Amino acid sequence: HRGTIASGDTFIADKGLKAMLSNEFGAICGEMEGGAIGHVCRANG
């Protein structure tokens, strides 16, 4: 699948948080590192 991956410092195990990430960000996958690595890579080109 191709789509948005949402990152945060929470192990996602809650249907309410899951629904929020899907609805607000259009995310199809959640985890704890990719957004931060993307942030650093974008800042450094």
All heavy atoms as atom14 arrays in JSON, in Angstrom:
{
  "sequence": "HRGTIASGDTFIADKGLKAMLSNEFGAICGEMEGGAIGHVCRANG",
  "atom14_mask": [
    [1, 1, 1, 1, 1, 1, 1, 1, 1, 1, 0, 0, 0, 0],
    [1, 1, 1, 1, 1, 1, 1, 1, 1, 1, 1, 0, 0, 0],
    [1, 1, 1, 1, 0, 0, 0, 0, 0, 0, 0, 0, 0, 0],
    [1, 1, 1, 1, 1, 1, 1, 0, 0, 0, 0, 0, 0, 0],
    [1, 1, 1, 1, 1, 1, 1, 1, 0, 0, 0, 0, 0, 0],
    [1, 1, 1, 1, 1, 0, 0, 0, 0, 0, 0, 0, 0, 0],
    [1, 1, 1, 1, 1, 1, 0, 0, 0, 0, 0, 0, 0, 0],
    [1, 1, 1, 1, 0, 0, 0, 0, 0, 0, 0, 0, 0, 0],
    [1, 1, 1, 1, 1, 1, 1, 1, 0, 0, 0, 0, 0, 0],
    [1, 1, 1, 1, 1, 1, 1, 0, 0, 0, 0, 0, 0, 0],
    [1, 1, 1, 1, 1, 1, 1, 1, 1, 1, 1, 0, 0, 0],
    [1, 1, 1, 1, 1, 1, 1, 1, 0, 0, 0, 0, 0, 0],
    [1, 1, 1, 1, 1, 0, 0, 0, 0, 0, 0, 0, 0, 0],
    [1, 1, 1, 1, 1, 1, 1, 1, 0, 0, 0, 0, 0, 0],
    [1, 1, 1, 1, 1, 1, 1, 1, 1, 0, 0, 0, 0, 0],
    [1, 1, 1, 1, 0, 0, 0, 0, 0, 0, 0, 0, 0, 0],
    [1, 1, 1, 1, 1, 1, 1, 1, 0, 0, 0, 0, 0, 0],
    [1, 1, 1, 1, 1, 1, 1, 1, 1, 0, 0, 0, 0, 0],
    [1, 1, 1, 1, 1, 0, 0, 0, 0, 0, 0, 0, 0, 0],
    [1, 1, 1, 1, 1, 1, 1, 1, 0, 0, 0, 0, 0, 0],
    [1, 1, 1, 1, 1, 1, 1, 1, 0, 0, 0, 0, 0, 0],
    [1, 1, 1, 1, 1, 1, 0, 0, 0, 0, 0, 0, 0, 0],
    [1, 1, 1, 1, 1, 1, 1, 1, 0, 0, 0, 0, 0, 0],
    [1, 1, 1, 1, 1, 1, 1, 1, 1, 0, 0, 0, 0, 0],
    [1, 1, 1, 1, 1, 1, 1, 1, 1, 1, 1, 0, 0, 0],
    [1, 1, 1, 1, 0, 0, 0, 0, 0, 0, 0, 0, 0, 0],
    [1, 1, 1, 1, 1, 0, 0, 0, 0, 0, 0, 0, 0, 0],
    [1, 1, 1, 1, 1, 1, 1, 1, 0, 0, 0, 0, 0, 0],
    [1, 1, 1, 1, 1, 1, 0, 0, 0, 0, 0, 0, 0, 0],
    [1, 1, 1, 1, 0, 0, 0, 0, 0, 0, 0, 0, 0, 0],
    [1, 1, 1, 1, 1, 1, 1, 1, 1, 0, 0, 0, 0, 0],
    [1, 1, 1, 1, 1, 1, 1, 1, 0, 0, 0, 0, 0, 0],
    [1, 1, 1, 1, 1, 1, 1, 1, 1, 0, 0, 0, 0, 0],
    [1, 1, 1, 1, 0, 0, 0, 0, 0, 0, 0, 0, 0, 0],
    [1, 1, 1, 1, 0, 0, 0, 0, 0, 0, 0, 0, 0, 0],
    [1, 1, 1, 1, 1, 0, 0, 0, 0, 0, 0, 0, 0, 0],
    [1, 1, 1, 1, 1, 1, 1, 1, 0, 0, 0, 0, 0, 0],
    [1, 1, 1, 1, 0, 0, 0, 0, 0, 0, 0, 0, 0, 0],
    [1, 1, 1, 1, 1, 1, 1, 1, 1, 1, 0, 0, 0, 0],
    [1, 1, 1, 1, 1, 1, 1, 0, 0, 0, 0, 0, 0, 0],
    [1, 1, 1, 1, 1, 1, 0, 0, 0, 0, 0, 0, 0, 0],
    [1, 1, 1, 1, 1, 1, 1, 1, 1, 1, 1, 0, 0, 0],
    [1, 1, 1, 1, 1, 0, 0, 0, 0, 0, 0, 0, 0, 0],
    [1, 1, 1, 1, 1, 1, 1, 1, 0, 0, 0, 0, 0, 0],
    [1, 1, 1, 1, 0, 0, 0, 0, 0, 0, 0, 0, 0, 0]
  ],
  "atom14_positions": [
    [[0.86, -1.17, 0.0], [0.0, 0.0, 0.0], [0.9, 1.23, 0.0], [1.98, 1.23, 0.59], [-0.9, 0.03, 1.24], [-1.72, -1.21, 1.43], [-3.0, -1.33, 0.94], [-1.44, -2.38, 2.06], [-3.48, -2.53, 1.27], [-2.54, -3.18, 1.94], [0.0, 0.0, 0.0], [0.0, 0.0, 0.0], [0.0, 0.0, 0.0], [0.0, 0.0, 0.0]],
    [[0.45, 2.28, -0.65], [1.15, 3.56, -0.63], [0.24, 4.59, 0.03], [-0.95, 4.64, -0.23], [1.48, 4.01, -2.05], [2.34, 3.04, -2.85], [3.77, 3.01, -2.37], [4.46, 4.27, -2.58], [5.07, 4.61, -3.72], [5.07, 3.79, -4.76], [5.7, 5.77, -3.82], [0.0, 0.0, 0.0], [0.0, 0.0, 0.0], [0.0, 0.0, 0.0]],
    [[0.79, 5.41, 0.91], [-0.02, 6.41, 1.58], [0.73, 7.07, 2.71], [1.95, 6.91, 2.87], [0.0, 0.0, 0.0], [0.0, 0.0, 0.0], [0.0, 0.0, 0.0], [0.0, 0.0, 0.0], [0.0, 0.0, 0.0], [0.0, 0.0, 0.0], [0.0, 0.0, 0.0], [0.0, 0.0, 0.0], [0.0, 0.0, 0.0], [0.0, 0.0, 0.0]],
    [[0.0, 7.81, 3.54], [0.58, 8.57, 4.64], [0.88, 7.67, 5.83], [0.05, 6.87, 6.25], [-0.37, 9.69, 5.1], [-0.62, 10.57, 3.99], [0.21, 10.49, 6.26], [0.0, 0.0, 0.0], [0.0, 0.0, 0.0], [0.0, 0.0, 0.0], [0.0, 0.0, 0.0], [0.0, 0.0, 0.0], [0.0, 0.0, 0.0], [0.0, 0.0, 0.0]],
    [[2.09, 7.8, 6.38], [2.46, 7.15, 7.63], [2.55, 8.23, 8.7], [3.24, 9.24, 8.52], [3.78, 6.39, 7.5], [3.61, 5.17, 6.58], [4.3, 5.96, 8.87], [4.85, 4.32, 6.41], [0.0, 0.0, 0.0], [0.0, 0.0, 0.0], [0.0, 0.0, 0.0], [0.0, 0.0, 0.0], [0.0, 0.0, 0.0], [0.0, 0.0, 0.0]],
    [[1.84, 8.01, 9.81], [1.79, 8.99, 10.9], [2.67, 8.53, 12.05], [2.6, 7.38, 12.48], [0.35, 9.16, 11.39], [0.0, 0.0, 0.0], [0.0, 0.0, 0.0], [0.0, 0.0, 0.0], [0.0, 0.0, 0.0], [0.0, 0.0, 0.0], [0.0, 0.0, 0.0], [0.0, 0.0, 0.0], [0.0, 0.0, 0.0], [0.0, 0.0, 0.0]],
    [[3.5, 9.45, 12.56], [4.44, 9.13, 13.63], [4.14, 9.94, 14.89], [3.81, 11.13, 14.82], [5.88, 9.45, 13.2], [6.24, 8.73, 12.05], [0.0, 0.0, 0.0], [0.0, 0.0, 0.0], [0.0, 0.0, 0.0], [0.0, 0.0, 0.0], [0.0, 0.0, 0.0], [0.0, 0.0, 0.0], [0.0, 0.0, 0.0], [0.0, 0.0, 0.0]],
    [[4.29, 9.29, 16.03], [4.14, 9.97, 17.32], [4.71, 9.1, 18.42], [4.93, 7.9, 18.24], [0.0, 0.0, 0.0], [0.0, 0.0, 0.0], [0.0, 0.0, 0.0], [0.0, 0.0, 0.0], [0.0, 0.0, 0.0], [0.0, 0.0, 0.0], [0.0, 0.0, 0.0], [0.0, 0.0, 0.0], [0.0, 0.0, 0.0], [0.0, 0.0, 0.0]],
    [[4.94, 9.7, 19.58], [5.54, 8.96, 20.68], [4.5, 8.22, 21.51], [4.45, 8.34, 22.74], [6.35, 9.91, 21.57], [7.7, 10.25, 20.96], [8.3, 9.35, 20.34], [8.15, 11.4, 21.1], [0.0, 0.0, 0.0], [0.0, 0.0, 0.0], [0.0, 0.0, 0.0], [0.0, 0.0, 0.0], [0.0, 0.0, 0.0], [0.0, 0.0, 0.0]],
    [[3.67, 7.45, 20.81], [2.64, 6.63, 21.45], [2.55, 5.32, 20.71], [2.49, 5.31, 19.47], [1.27, 7.33, 21.4], [1.33, 8.56, 22.11], [0.19, 6.45, 22.02], [0.0, 0.0, 0.0], [0.0, 0.0, 0.0], [0.0, 0.0, 0.0], [0.0, 0.0, 0.0], [0.0, 0.0, 0.0], [0.0, 0.0, 0.0], [0.0, 0.0, 0.0]],
    [[2.52, 4.2, 21.44], [2.19, 2.93, 20.83], [0.68, 2.92, 20.63], [-0.08, 2.96, 21.61], [2.62, 1.76, 21.72], [2.29, 0.41, 21.13], [3.16, -0.2, 20.25], [1.09, -0.23, 21.45], [2.86, -1.44, 19.7], [0.78, -1.46, 20.89], [1.66, -2.08, 20.02], [0.0, 0.0, 0.0], [0.0, 0.0, 0.0], [0.0, 0.0, 0.0]],
    [[0.24, 2.9, 19.39], [-1.18, 3.06, 19.09], [-1.92, 1.76, 19.37], [-1.68, 0.75, 18.71], [-1.37, 3.5, 17.62], [-0.63, 4.82, 17.36], [-2.86, 3.64, 17.3], [-0.5, 5.17, 15.89], [0.0, 0.0, 0.0], [0.0, 0.0, 0.0], [0.0, 0.0, 0.0], [0.0, 0.0, 0.0], [0.0, 0.0, 0.0], [0.0, 0.0, 0.0]],
    [[-2.81, 1.82, 20.35], [-3.61, 0.65, 20.72], [-4.98, 1.14, 21.2], [-5.5, 0.67, 22.21], [-2.92, -0.16, 21.8], [0.0, 0.0, 0.0], [0.0, 0.0, 0.0], [0.0, 0.0, 0.0], [0.0, 0.0, 0.0], [0.0, 0.0, 0.0], [0.0, 0.0, 0.0], [0.0, 0.0, 0.0], [0.0, 0.0, 0.0], [0.0, 0.0, 0.0]],
    [[-5.53, 2.08, 20.45], [-6.78, 2.72, 20.85], [-7.57, 3.09, 19.6], [-7.07, 3.81, 18.74], [-6.46, 3.98, 21.66], [-7.7, 4.77, 22.03], [-8.4, 4.37, 22.97], [-7.98, 5.76, 21.33], [0.0, 0.0, 0.0], [0.0, 0.0, 0.0], [0.0, 0.0, 0.0], [0.0, 0.0, 0.0], [0.0, 0.0, 0.0], [0.0, 0.0, 0.0]],
    [[-8.78, 2.6, 19.52], [-9.57, 2.83, 18.3], [-9.92, 4.3, 18.09], [-10.09, 4.75, 16.96], [-10.83, 1.97, 18.33], [-11.79, 2.25, 19.47], [-12.98, 1.29, 19.41], [-13.97, 1.54, 20.54], [-15.1, 0.59, 20.49], [0.0, 0.0, 0.0], [0.0, 0.0, 0.0], [0.0, 0.0, 0.0], [0.0, 0.0, 0.0], [0.0, 0.0, 0.0]],
    [[-9.99, 5.07, 19.18], [-10.26, 6.5, 19.04], [-9.1, 7.23, 18.4], [-9.29, 8.05, 17.49], [0.0, 0.0, 0.0], [0.0, 0.0, 0.0], [0.0, 0.0, 0.0], [0.0, 0.0, 0.0], [0.0, 0.0, 0.0], [0.0, 0.0, 0.0], [0.0, 0.0, 0.0], [0.0, 0.0, 0.0], [0.0, 0.0, 0.0], [0.0, 0.0, 0.0]],
    [[-7.87, 6.95, 18.86], [-6.68, 7.55, 18.26], [-6.52, 7.08, 16.83], [-6.19, 7.87, 15.93], [-5.44, 7.19, 19.08], [-4.09, 7.67, 18.56], [-4.07, 9.18, 18.38], [-2.96, 7.21, 19.49], [0.0, 0.0, 0.0], [0.0, 0.0, 0.0], [0.0, 0.0, 0.0], [0.0, 0.0, 0.0], [0.0, 0.0, 0.0], [0.0, 0.0, 0.0]],
    [[-6.77, 5.81, 16.6], [-6.68, 5.26, 15.24], [-7.62, 6.0, 14.31], [-7.23, 6.38, 13.19], [-7.02, 3.77, 15.28], [-7.04, 3.1, 13.92], [-7.3, 1.6, 14.05], [-7.37, 0.93, 12.69], [-7.5, -0.54, 12.8], [0.0, 0.0, 0.0], [0.0, 0.0, 0.0], [0.0, 0.0, 0.0], [0.0, 0.0, 0.0], [0.0, 0.0, 0.0]],
    [[-8.85, 6.23, 14.73], [-9.83, 6.93, 13.89], [-9.4, 8.37, 13.64], [-9.55, 8.88, 12.52], [-11.21, 6.88, 14.56], [0.0, 0.0, 0.0], [0.0, 0.0, 0.0], [0.0, 0.0, 0.0], [0.0, 0.0, 0.0], [0.0, 0.0, 0.0], [0.0, 0.0, 0.0], [0.0, 0.0, 0.0], [0.0, 0.0, 0.0], [0.0, 0.0, 0.0]],
    [[-8.86, 9.04, 14.65], [-8.41, 10.42, 14.48], [-7.3, 10.52, 13.45], [-7.31, 11.4, 12.57], [-7.93, 10.99, 15.82], [-7.54, 12.48, 15.75], [-5.86, 12.81, 15.17], [-4.91, 12.35, 16.63], [0.0, 0.0, 0.0], [0.0, 0.0, 0.0], [0.0, 0.0, 0.0], [0.0, 0.0, 0.0], [0.0, 0.0, 0.0], [0.0, 0.0, 0.0]],
    [[-6.33, 9.6, 13.52], [-5.21, 9.66, 12.58], [-5.67, 9.38, 11.16], [-5.16, 9.98, 10.2], [-4.14, 8.65, 13.0], [-3.48, 8.92, 14.35], [-2.53, 7.8, 14.71], [-2.77, 10.25, 14.35], [0.0, 0.0, 0.0], [0.0, 0.0, 0.0], [0.0, 0.0, 0.0], [0.0, 0.0, 0.0], [0.0, 0.0, 0.0], [0.0, 0.0, 0.0]],
    [[-6.63, 8.49, 11.02], [-7.17, 8.19, 9.7], [-7.97, 9.37, 9.16], [-7.8, 9.78, 8.0], [-8.05, 6.94, 9.77], [-8.66, 6.69, 8.53], [0.0, 0.0, 0.0], [0.0, 0.0, 0.0], [0.0, 0.0, 0.0], [0.0, 0.0, 0.0], [0.0, 0.0, 0.0], [0.0, 0.0, 0.0], [0.0, 0.0, 0.0], [0.0, 0.0, 0.0]],
    [[-8.81, 9.95, 10.0], [-9.7, 11.01, 9.55], [-8.99, 12.34, 9.35], [-9.24, 13.06, 8.37], [-10.85, 11.19, 10.55], [-11.76, 9.98, 10.61], [-11.88, 9.23, 9.66], [-12.39, 9.76, 11.76], [0.0, 0.0, 0.0], [0.0, 0.0, 0.0], [0.0, 0.0, 0.0], [0.0, 0.0, 0.0], [0.0, 0.0, 0.0], [0.0, 0.0, 0.0]],
    [[-8.1, 12.7, 10.3], [-7.49, 14.02, 10.26], [-6.28, 14.1, 9.34], [-6.04, 15.11, 8.7], [-7.1, 14.45, 11.68], [-6.67, 15.9, 11.76], [-6.74, 16.47, 13.17], [-7.47, 15.89, 14.01], [-6.07, 17.48, 13.43], [0.0, 0.0, 0.0], [0.0, 0.0, 0.0], [0.0, 0.0, 0.0], [0.0, 0.0, 0.0], [0.0, 0.0, 0.0]],
    [[-5.51, 13.0, 9.27], [-4.29, 13.02, 8.47], [-4.38, 12.13, 7.24], [-3.47, 12.15, 6.41], [-3.09, 12.58, 9.32], [-2.75, 13.52, 10.43], [-3.23, 13.31, 11.72], [-1.96, 14.63, 10.2], [-2.92, 14.18, 12.76], [-1.64, 15.51, 11.23], [-2.12, 15.29, 12.51], [0.0, 0.0, 0.0], [0.0, 0.0, 0.0], [0.0, 0.0, 0.0]],
    [[-5.43, 11.34, 7.12], [-5.53, 10.4, 6.0], [-4.49, 9.3, 6.09], [-4.14, 8.68, 5.07], [0.0, 0.0, 0.0], [0.0, 0.0, 0.0], [0.0, 0.0, 0.0], [0.0, 0.0, 0.0], [0.0, 0.0, 0.0], [0.0, 0.0, 0.0], [0.0, 0.0, 0.0], [0.0, 0.0, 0.0], [0.0, 0.0, 0.0], [0.0, 0.0, 0.0]],
    [[-3.99, 9.03, 7.3], [-2.91, 8.06, 7.47], [-3.43, 6.64, 7.36], [-4.54, 6.33, 7.81], [-2.22, 8.27, 8.82], [0.0, 0.0, 0.0], [0.0, 0.0, 0.0], [0.0, 0.0, 0.0], [0.0, 0.0, 0.0], [0.0, 0.0, 0.0], [0.0, 0.0, 0.0], [0.0, 0.0, 0.0], [0.0, 0.0, 0.0], [0.0, 0.0, 0.0]],
    [[-2.61, 5.76, 6.78], [-2.97, 4.35, 6.67], [-2.09, 3.46, 7.54], [-2.33, 2.27, 7.66], [-2.93, 3.86, 5.21], [-1.51, 3.92, 4.63], [-3.89, 4.68, 4.35], [-1.38, 3.26, 3.26], [0.0, 0.0, 0.0], [0.0, 0.0, 0.0], [0.0, 0.0, 0.0], [0.0, 0.0, 0.0], [0.0, 0.0, 0.0], [0.0, 0.0, 0.0]],
    [[-1.07, 4.06, 8.16], [-0.14, 3.31, 9.01], [0.37, 4.23, 10.1], [0.6, 5.43, 9.85], [1.02, 2.78, 8.17], [2.34, 1.96, 9.1], [0.0, 0.0, 0.0], [0.0, 0.0, 0.0], [0.0, 0.0, 0.0], [0.0, 0.0, 0.0], [0.0, 0.0, 0.0], [0.0, 0.0, 0.0], [0.0, 0.0, 0.0], [0.0, 0.0, 0.0]],
    [[0.55, 3.68, 11.29], [1.1, 4.45, 12.4], [2.33, 3.79, 12.98], [2.45, 2.57, 13.0], [0.0, 0.0, 0.0], [0.0, 0.0, 0.0], [0.0, 0.0, 0.0], [0.0, 0.0, 0.0], [0.0, 0.0, 0.0], [0.0, 0.0, 0.0], [0.0, 0.0, 0.0], [0.0, 0.0, 0.0], [0.0, 0.0, 0.0], [0.0, 0.0, 0.0]],
    [[3.26, 4.62, 13.48], [4.49, 4.14, 14.09], [5.12, 5.27, 14.87], [4.45, 6.29, 15.12], [5.44, 3.53, 13.05], [5.48, 4.27, 11.71], [6.5, 5.35, 11.69], [6.36, 6.33, 12.46], [7.44, 5.27, 10.88], [0.0, 0.0, 0.0], [0.0, 0.0, 0.0], [0.0, 0.0, 0.0], [0.0, 0.0, 0.0], [0.0, 0.0, 0.0]],
    [[6.41, 5.14, 15.24], [7.01, 6.08, 16.19], [8.3, 6.76, 15.71], [8.91, 7.49, 16.49], [7.28, 5.36, 17.52], [6.03, 4.8, 18.17], [6.33, 3.87, 19.71], [6.92, 5.17, 20.79], [0.0, 0.0, 0.0], [0.0, 0.0, 0.0], [0.0, 0.0, 0.0], [0.0, 0.0, 0.0], [0.0, 0.0, 0.0], [0.0, 0.0, 0.0]],
    [[8.73, 6.55, 14.46], [10.02, 7.08, 14.04], [10.04, 7.78, 12.68], [10.81, 8.73, 12.48], [11.08, 5.96, 14.0], [11.39, 5.31, 15.32], [10.41, 4.2, 15.69], [9.85, 3.58, 14.74], [10.18, 3.97, 16.88], [0.0, 0.0, 0.0], [0.0, 0.0, 0.0], [0.0, 0.0, 0.0], [0.0, 0.0, 0.0], [0.0, 0.0, 0.0]],
    [[9.26, 7.32, 11.73], [9.4, 7.76, 10.34], [9.25, 9.26, 10.15], [9.97, 9.88, 9.37], [0.0, 0.0, 0.0], [0.0, 0.0, 0.0], [0.0, 0.0, 0.0], [0.0, 0.0, 0.0], [0.0, 0.0, 0.0], [0.0, 0.0, 0.0], [0.0, 0.0, 0.0], [0.0, 0.0, 0.0], [0.0, 0.0, 0.0], [0.0, 0.0, 0.0]],
    [[8.29, 9.86, 10.87], [8.08, 11.3, 10.73], [9.28, 12.1, 11.19], [9.65, 13.11, 10.57], [0.0, 0.0, 0.0], [0.0, 0.0, 0.0], [0.0, 0.0, 0.0], [0.0, 0.0, 0.0], [0.0, 0.0, 0.0], [0.0, 0.0, 0.0], [0.0, 0.0, 0.0], [0.0, 0.0, 0.0], [0.0, 0.0, 0.0], [0.0, 0.0, 0.0]],
    [[9.9, 11.66, 12.28], [11.08, 12.36, 12.79], [12.26, 12.21, 11.84], [13.01, 13.17, 11.6], [11.43, 11.83, 14.18], [0.0, 0.0, 0.0], [0.0, 0.0, 0.0], [0.0, 0.0, 0.0], [0.0, 0.0, 0.0], [0.0, 0.0, 0.0], [0.0, 0.0, 0.0], [0.0, 0.0, 0.0], [0.0, 0.0, 0.0], [0.0, 0.0, 0.0]],
    [[12.45, 11.02, 11.3], [13.54, 10.8, 10.34], [13.29, 11.62, 9.07], [14.21, 12.25, 8.53], [13.69, 9.3, 10.04], [14.23, 8.58, 11.28], [14.62, 9.06, 8.84], [14.2, 7.07, 11.21], [0.0, 0.0, 0.0], [0.0, 0.0, 0.0], [0.0, 0.0, 0.0], [0.0, 0.0, 0.0], [0.0, 0.0, 0.0], [0.0, 0.0, 0.0]],
    [[12.04, 11.64, 8.63], [11.69, 12.47, 7.48], [11.93, 13.95, 7.74], [12.41, 14.68, 6.86], [0.0, 0.0, 0.0], [0.0, 0.0, 0.0], [0.0, 0.0, 0.0], [0.0, 0.0, 0.0], [0.0, 0.0, 0.0], [0.0, 0.0, 0.0], [0.0, 0.0, 0.0], [0.0, 0.0, 0.0], [0.0, 0.0, 0.0], [0.0, 0.0, 0.0]],
    [[11.62, 14.4, 8.94], [11.84, 15.79, 9.36], [13.32, 16.15, 9.23], [13.69, 17.17, 8.64], [11.35, 15.93, 10.8], [11.34, 17.31, 11.34], [10.5, 17.7, 12.36], [12.08, 18.42, 11.05], [10.72, 18.97, 12.65], [11.68, 19.42, 11.87], [0.0, 0.0, 0.0], [0.0, 0.0, 0.0], [0.0, 0.0, 0.0], [0.0, 0.0, 0.0]],
    [[14.18, 15.29, 9.79], [15.62, 15.54, 9.75], [16.15, 15.48, 8.32], [16.95, 16.34, 7.9], [16.36, 14.52, 10.64], [17.87, 14.61, 10.44], [16.01, 14.74, 12.11], [0.0, 0.0, 0.0], [0.0, 0.0, 0.0], [0.0, 0.0, 0.0], [0.0, 0.0, 0.0], [0.0, 0.0, 0.0], [0.0, 0.0, 0.0], [0.0, 0.0, 0.0]],
    [[15.69, 14.5, 7.55], [16.16, 14.38, 6.16], [15.72, 15.59, 5.33], [16.51, 16.12, 4.54], [15.64, 13.09, 5.55], [16.46, 11.6, 6.15], [0.0, 0.0, 0.0], [0.0, 0.0, 0.0], [0.0, 0.0, 0.0], [0.0, 0.0, 0.0], [0.0, 0.0, 0.0], [0.0, 0.0, 0.0], [0.0, 0.0, 0.0], [0.0, 0.0, 0.0]],
    [[14.5, 16.02, 5.52], [14.02, 17.19, 4.78], [14.84, 18.43, 5.14], [15.22, 19.22, 4.27], [12.54, 17.42, 5.09], [11.93, 18.67, 4.46], [11.9, 18.6, 2.93], [11.23, 19.77, 2.37], [9.94, 19.8, 2.04], [9.18, 18.73, 2.2], [9.39, 20.9, 1.57], [0.0, 0.0, 0.0], [0.0, 0.0, 0.0], [0.0, 0.0, 0.0]],
    [[15.14, 18.62, 6.43], [15.92, 19.77, 6.87], [17.33, 19.75, 6.28], [17.93, 20.81, 6.06], [15.98, 19.82, 8.39], [0.0, 0.0, 0.0], [0.0, 0.0, 0.0], [0.0, 0.0, 0.0], [0.0, 0.0, 0.0], [0.0, 0.0, 0.0], [0.0, 0.0, 0.0], [0.0, 0.0, 0.0], [0.0, 0.0, 0.0], [0.0, 0.0, 0.0]],
    [[17.86, 18.54, 6.03], [19.23, 18.4, 5.52], [19.29, 18.17, 4.01], [20.38, 18.05, 3.45], [19.93, 17.25, 6.22], [20.33, 17.56, 7.64], [21.41, 18.1, 7.89], [19.47, 17.23, 8.61], [0.0, 0.0, 0.0], [0.0, 0.0, 0.0], [0.0, 0.0, 0.0], [0.0, 0.0, 0.0], [0.0, 0.0, 0.0], [0.0, 0.0, 0.0]],
    [[18.14, 18.09, 3.35], [18.13, 17.86, 1.91], [18.56, 16.47, 1.5], [19.12, 16.29, 0.41], [0.0, 0.0, 0.0], [0.0, 0.0, 0.0], [0.0, 0.0, 0.0], [0.0, 0.0, 0.0], [0.0, 0.0, 0.0], [0.0, 0.0, 0.0], [0.0, 0.0, 0.0], [0.0, 0.0, 0.0], [0.0, 0.0, 0.0], [0.0, 0.0, 0.0]]
  ]
}
